[in-house]
Amino acid sequence: MRCFGCFLAVLHGKGVLFRSVHFGNVLVDGDGMSLIDILDLKVFRKPLAEQKRIKNIRFLVKYPVDRAVVRVHLDALREGYGSVFPGHPHLFSELESLARDPGGSC
């Protein structure tokens, strides 16, 4: 999960907004991680602004199965993201409460 946090931070740093970001749309192989179902992907010229990052991170808890994974691995996810994009742990503060919410609204 730490690697996924790194991967997401790298995407955001390159200006990639993947609106369908959830664990079912990320493949892991020997070379790293890849995205599938990229119809909802936008690439901007600059790194994503903080509000876009937060909105994108919220999608990680859209589905119950992903919410359960985030609930268990939130610290590793936050640590991985923070290793690439340090100084912004608050990006995940809302995600923590959403992961606990059985309804998991986005």
N, C-alpha and C. Protein backbone atom coordinates (compact mmCIF):
# COMPACT_ATOMS: atom_id res chain seq x y z
N MET A 1 0.82 -1.19 0.00
CA MET A 1 0.00 0.00 0.00
C MET A 1 0.87 1.27 0.00
N ARG A 2 2.03 1.16 0.62
CA ARG A 2 2.95 2.29 0.59
C ARG A 2 3.34 2.61 -0.86
N CYS A 3 3.58 1.58 -1.64
CA CYS A 3 3.94 1.77 -3.06
C CYS A 3 2.81 2.44 -3.83
N PHE A 4 1.58 2.07 -3.51
CA PHE A 4 0.44 2.70 -4.18
C PHE A 4 0.39 4.19 -3.83
N GLY A 5 0.66 4.53 -2.57
CA GLY A 5 0.69 5.93 -2.17
C GLY A 5 1.75 6.70 -2.95
N CYS A 6 2.93 6.09 -3.11
CA CYS A 6 4.00 6.71 -3.91
C CYS A 6 3.55 6.90 -5.36
N PHE A 7 2.96 5.85 -5.91
CA PHE A 7 2.50 5.87 -7.30
C PHE A 7 1.49 7.00 -7.52
N LEU A 8 0.53 7.13 -6.62
CA LEU A 8 -0.49 8.17 -6.75
C LEU A 8 0.14 9.57 -6.63
N ALA A 9 1.08 9.74 -5.72
CA ALA A 9 1.74 11.03 -5.56
C ALA A 9 2.54 11.39 -6.81
N VAL A 10 3.21 10.40 -7.42
CA VAL A 10 3.97 10.65 -8.65
C VAL A 10 3.01 11.09 -9.76
N LEU A 11 1.88 10.40 -9.88
CA LEU A 11 0.89 10.79 -10.90
C LEU A 11 0.45 12.23 -10.68
N HIS A 12 0.08 12.55 -9.45
CA HIS A 12 -0.38 13.91 -9.14
C HIS A 12 0.72 14.93 -9.42
N GLY A 13 1.95 14.58 -9.11
CA GLY A 13 3.07 15.48 -9.37
C GLY A 13 3.32 15.72 -10.85
N LYS A 14 2.92 14.76 -11.67
CA LYS A 14 3.07 14.91 -13.12
C LYS A 14 1.83 15.51 -13.77
N GLY A 15 0.85 15.89 -12.95
CA GLY A 15 -0.35 16.52 -13.48
C GLY A 15 -1.40 15.54 -13.95
N VAL A 16 -1.32 14.29 -13.53
CA VAL A 16 -2.28 13.27 -13.95
C VAL A 16 -3.41 13.18 -12.94
N LEU A 17 -4.62 13.41 -13.43
CA LEU A 17 -5.83 13.27 -12.63
C LEU A 17 -6.57 12.05 -13.16
N PHE A 18 -6.57 10.99 -12.38
CA PHE A 18 -7.23 9.73 -12.75
C PHE A 18 -8.50 9.63 -11.92
N ARG A 19 -9.61 10.07 -12.51
CA ARG A 19 -10.86 10.17 -11.75
C ARG A 19 -11.44 8.82 -11.38
N SER A 20 -10.99 7.77 -11.99
CA SER A 20 -11.46 6.42 -11.64
C SER A 20 -10.45 5.70 -10.76
N VAL A 21 -9.70 6.46 -9.97
CA VAL A 21 -8.66 5.84 -9.16
C VAL A 21 -9.30 4.99 -8.05
N HIS A 22 -9.03 3.72 -8.13
CA HIS A 22 -9.35 2.76 -7.07
C HIS A 22 -8.51 1.53 -7.35
N PHE A 23 -8.44 0.65 -6.37
CA PHE A 23 -7.49 -0.45 -6.46
C PHE A 23 -7.78 -1.42 -7.60
N GLY A 24 -9.01 -1.49 -8.05
CA GLY A 24 -9.35 -2.37 -9.16
C GLY A 24 -8.86 -1.86 -10.50
N ASN A 25 -8.45 -0.59 -10.57
CA ASN A 25 -7.98 -0.01 -11.82
C ASN A 25 -6.46 0.18 -11.85
N VAL A 26 -5.77 -0.48 -10.95
CA VAL A 26 -4.31 -0.41 -10.91
C VAL A 26 -3.76 -1.83 -10.95
N LEU A 27 -2.90 -2.07 -11.93
CA LEU A 27 -2.25 -3.38 -12.05
C LEU A 27 -0.85 -3.31 -11.47
N VAL A 28 -0.46 -4.36 -10.78
CA VAL A 28 0.88 -4.45 -10.21
C VAL A 28 1.59 -5.62 -10.87
N ASP A 29 2.79 -5.35 -11.38
CA ASP A 29 3.58 -6.43 -11.97
C ASP A 29 5.04 -6.20 -11.60
N GLY A 30 5.93 -6.95 -12.17
CA GLY A 30 7.35 -6.85 -11.85
C GLY A 30 7.96 -5.50 -12.18
N ASP A 31 7.33 -4.75 -13.08
CA ASP A 31 7.85 -3.45 -13.49
C ASP A 31 7.27 -2.28 -12.69
N GLY A 32 6.32 -2.56 -11.81
CA GLY A 32 5.70 -1.48 -11.04
C GLY A 32 4.19 -1.52 -11.15
N MET A 33 3.59 -0.35 -11.28
CA MET A 33 2.14 -0.23 -11.35
C MET A 33 1.73 0.43 -12.65
N SER A 34 0.55 0.02 -13.13
CA SER A 34 -0.01 0.56 -14.37
C SER A 34 -1.49 0.83 -14.15
N LEU A 35 -2.02 1.76 -14.92
CA LEU A 35 -3.44 2.09 -14.83
C LEU A 35 -4.22 1.40 -15.94
N ILE A 36 -5.44 1.00 -15.62
CA ILE A 36 -6.36 0.51 -16.64
C ILE A 36 -7.63 1.35 -16.53
N ASP A 37 -8.50 1.24 -17.51
CA ASP A 37 -9.75 1.99 -17.55
C ASP A 37 -9.46 3.49 -17.50
N ILE A 38 -8.65 3.95 -18.44
CA ILE A 38 -8.14 5.32 -18.39
C ILE A 38 -9.01 6.35 -19.13
N LEU A 39 -10.24 6.02 -19.40
CA LEU A 39 -11.12 6.98 -20.07
C LEU A 39 -11.33 8.24 -19.22
N ASP A 40 -11.27 8.11 -17.90
CA ASP A 40 -11.46 9.25 -17.00
C ASP A 40 -10.14 9.87 -16.58
N LEU A 41 -9.14 9.82 -17.42
CA LEU A 41 -7.83 10.35 -17.09
C LEU A 41 -7.61 11.68 -17.80
N LYS A 42 -7.11 12.65 -17.07
CA LYS A 42 -6.75 13.95 -17.66
C LYS A 42 -5.32 14.25 -17.27
N VAL A 43 -4.59 14.87 -18.18
CA VAL A 43 -3.21 15.25 -17.90
C VAL A 43 -3.11 16.77 -18.04
N PHE A 44 -2.65 17.40 -16.98
CA PHE A 44 -2.46 18.84 -16.96
C PHE A 44 -0.97 19.16 -17.13
N ARG A 45 -0.67 20.39 -17.47
CA ARG A 45 0.73 20.78 -17.71
C ARG A 45 1.53 20.93 -16.43
N LYS A 46 0.83 21.15 -15.32
CA LYS A 46 1.50 21.36 -14.03
C LYS A 46 1.04 20.30 -13.04
N PRO A 47 1.78 20.14 -11.95
CA PRO A 47 1.32 19.23 -10.90
C PRO A 47 -0.09 19.63 -10.44
N LEU A 48 -0.85 18.65 -9.99
CA LEU A 48 -2.21 18.93 -9.55
C LEU A 48 -2.21 19.85 -8.34
N ALA A 49 -3.15 20.78 -8.34
CA ALA A 49 -3.34 21.65 -7.19
C ALA A 49 -3.86 20.80 -6.03
N GLU A 50 -3.69 21.31 -4.83
CA GLU A 50 -4.06 20.56 -3.65
C GLU A 50 -5.53 20.13 -3.66
N GLN A 51 -6.43 21.01 -4.06
CA GLN A 51 -7.85 20.65 -4.08
C GLN A 51 -8.14 19.50 -5.03
N LYS A 52 -7.47 19.47 -6.17
CA LYS A 52 -7.65 18.36 -7.11
C LYS A 52 -7.09 17.06 -6.52
N ARG A 53 -5.98 17.17 -5.80
CA ARG A 53 -5.40 15.99 -5.16
C ARG A 53 -6.38 15.43 -4.12
N ILE A 54 -6.93 16.31 -3.30
CA ILE A 54 -7.87 15.87 -2.27
C ILE A 54 -9.09 15.22 -2.90
N LYS A 55 -9.65 15.85 -3.91
CA LYS A 55 -10.83 15.30 -4.58
C LYS A 55 -10.52 13.93 -5.17
N ASN A 56 -9.34 13.78 -5.76
CA ASN A 56 -8.95 12.51 -6.36
C ASN A 56 -8.75 11.43 -5.30
N ILE A 57 -8.13 11.81 -4.19
CA ILE A 57 -7.89 10.86 -3.10
C ILE A 57 -9.22 10.34 -2.52
N ARG A 58 -10.24 11.18 -2.51
CA ARG A 58 -11.56 10.76 -2.00
C ARG A 58 -12.11 9.55 -2.75
N PHE A 59 -11.77 9.43 -4.02
CA PHE A 59 -12.28 8.31 -4.81
C PHE A 59 -11.76 6.96 -4.32
N LEU A 60 -10.72 6.97 -3.53
CA LEU A 60 -10.20 5.70 -3.01
C LEU A 60 -11.19 5.00 -2.09
N VAL A 61 -12.18 5.71 -1.60
CA VAL A 61 -13.15 5.08 -0.69
C VAL A 61 -14.55 5.04 -1.31
N LYS A 62 -14.63 5.15 -2.60
CA LYS A 62 -15.93 5.14 -3.27
C LYS A 62 -16.62 3.77 -3.16
N TYR A 63 -15.85 2.70 -3.24
CA TYR A 63 -16.43 1.35 -3.22
C TYR A 63 -16.14 0.68 -1.87
N PRO A 64 -17.09 -0.09 -1.36
CA PRO A 64 -16.92 -0.72 -0.04
C PRO A 64 -15.65 -1.55 0.10
N VAL A 65 -15.29 -2.30 -0.91
CA VAL A 65 -14.10 -3.14 -0.81
C VAL A 65 -12.84 -2.28 -0.69
N ASP A 66 -12.80 -1.17 -1.43
CA ASP A 66 -11.65 -0.26 -1.34
C ASP A 66 -11.64 0.46 -0.01
N ARG A 67 -12.82 0.81 0.49
CA ARG A 67 -12.93 1.47 1.79
C ARG A 67 -12.34 0.59 2.89
N ALA A 68 -12.61 -0.70 2.81
CA ALA A 68 -12.08 -1.65 3.80
C ALA A 68 -10.55 -1.72 3.72
N VAL A 69 -10.01 -1.71 2.52
CA VAL A 69 -8.55 -1.74 2.34
C VAL A 69 -7.92 -0.47 2.91
N VAL A 70 -8.52 0.67 2.59
CA VAL A 70 -7.99 1.94 3.09
C VAL A 70 -8.04 1.99 4.61
N ARG A 71 -9.11 1.48 5.17
CA ARG A 71 -9.27 1.48 6.63
C ARG A 71 -8.09 0.76 7.30
N VAL A 72 -7.67 -0.34 6.72
CA VAL A 72 -6.58 -1.15 7.29
C VAL A 72 -5.21 -0.56 6.98
N HIS A 73 -5.04 0.03 5.81
CA HIS A 73 -3.71 0.43 5.34
C HIS A 73 -3.53 1.93 5.19
N LEU A 74 -4.34 2.72 5.85
CA LEU A 74 -4.29 4.17 5.68
C LEU A 74 -2.91 4.75 6.02
N ASP A 75 -2.30 4.28 7.09
CA ASP A 75 -0.99 4.82 7.48
C ASP A 75 0.07 4.57 6.41
N ALA A 76 0.07 3.38 5.83
CA ALA A 76 1.04 3.06 4.78
C ALA A 76 0.78 3.89 3.53
N LEU A 77 -0.48 4.07 3.20
CA LEU A 77 -0.87 4.88 2.05
C LEU A 77 -0.40 6.33 2.25
N ARG A 78 -0.67 6.86 3.42
CA ARG A 78 -0.26 8.23 3.75
C ARG A 78 1.27 8.36 3.74
N GLU A 79 1.95 7.37 4.27
CA GLU A 79 3.42 7.39 4.31
C GLU A 79 4.01 7.36 2.90
N GLY A 80 3.47 6.52 2.04
CA GLY A 80 3.97 6.44 0.67
C GLY A 80 3.76 7.73 -0.09
N TYR A 81 2.56 8.28 0.03
CA TYR A 81 2.26 9.54 -0.66
C TYR A 81 3.18 10.65 -0.13
N GLY A 82 3.33 10.67 1.20
CA GLY A 82 4.16 11.68 1.82
C GLY A 82 5.63 11.58 1.50
N SER A 83 6.10 10.39 1.14
CA SER A 83 7.51 10.25 0.78
C SER A 83 7.82 10.92 -0.56
N VAL A 84 6.80 11.09 -1.40
CA VAL A 84 6.97 11.75 -2.69
C VAL A 84 6.52 13.21 -2.61
N PHE A 85 5.48 13.46 -1.85
CA PHE A 85 4.89 14.80 -1.71
C PHE A 85 4.83 15.13 -0.22
N PRO A 86 5.99 15.45 0.38
CA PRO A 86 6.05 15.62 1.84
C PRO A 86 5.37 16.90 2.32
N GLY A 87 5.05 16.87 3.61
CA GLY A 87 4.52 18.07 4.24
C GLY A 87 3.03 18.29 4.07
N HIS A 88 2.32 17.30 3.58
CA HIS A 88 0.88 17.49 3.35
C HIS A 88 0.07 16.30 3.87
N PRO A 89 0.26 15.90 5.14
CA PRO A 89 -0.49 14.75 5.66
C PRO A 89 -1.99 15.01 5.73
N HIS A 90 -2.38 16.29 5.75
CA HIS A 90 -3.80 16.62 5.82
C HIS A 90 -4.57 16.17 4.57
N LEU A 91 -3.88 15.87 3.49
CA LEU A 91 -4.56 15.39 2.29
C LEU A 91 -5.38 14.14 2.59
N PHE A 92 -4.97 13.38 3.61
CA PHE A 92 -5.63 12.12 3.92
C PHE A 92 -6.53 12.20 5.14
N SER A 93 -6.64 13.36 5.77
CA SER A 93 -7.44 13.46 6.99
C SER A 93 -8.92 13.18 6.71
N GLU A 94 -9.44 13.70 5.61
CA GLU A 94 -10.83 13.44 5.25
C GLU A 94 -11.02 11.97 4.87
N LEU A 95 -10.03 11.41 4.23
CA LEU A 95 -10.11 10.01 3.81
C LEU A 95 -10.27 9.09 5.02
N GLU A 96 -9.63 9.45 6.10
CA GLU A 96 -9.73 8.64 7.32
C GLU A 96 -11.17 8.54 7.81
N SER A 97 -11.88 9.65 7.85
CA SER A 97 -13.28 9.61 8.31
C SER A 97 -14.17 8.94 7.28
N LEU A 98 -13.90 9.14 5.99
CA LEU A 98 -14.70 8.48 4.95
C LEU A 98 -14.51 6.96 4.98
N ALA A 99 -13.29 6.52 5.27
CA ALA A 99 -13.01 5.08 5.32
C ALA A 99 -13.76 4.42 6.47
N ARG A 100 -13.98 5.15 7.55
CA ARG A 100 -14.71 4.61 8.69
C ARG A 100 -16.22 4.58 8.45
N ASP A 101 -16.69 5.46 7.58
CA ASP A 101 -18.13 5.58 7.30
C ASP A 101 -18.59 4.42 6.44
N PRO A 102 -19.52 3.57 6.94
CA PRO A 102 -19.99 2.43 6.14
C PRO A 102 -20.65 2.86 4.84
N GLY A 103 -21.22 4.07 4.81
CA GLY A 103 -21.85 4.57 3.58
C GLY A 103 -20.83 5.04 2.58
N GLY A 104 -19.75 5.59 3.07
CA GLY A 104 -18.62 6.02 2.23
C GLY A 104 -18.98 6.97 1.12
N SER A 105 -19.65 8.05 1.45
CA SER A 105 -20.03 8.99 0.40
C SER A 105 -18.80 9.73 -0.11
N CYS A 106 -18.83 10.10 -1.38
CA CYS A 106 -17.74 10.86 -1.98
C CYS A 106 -18.24 12.23 -2.35
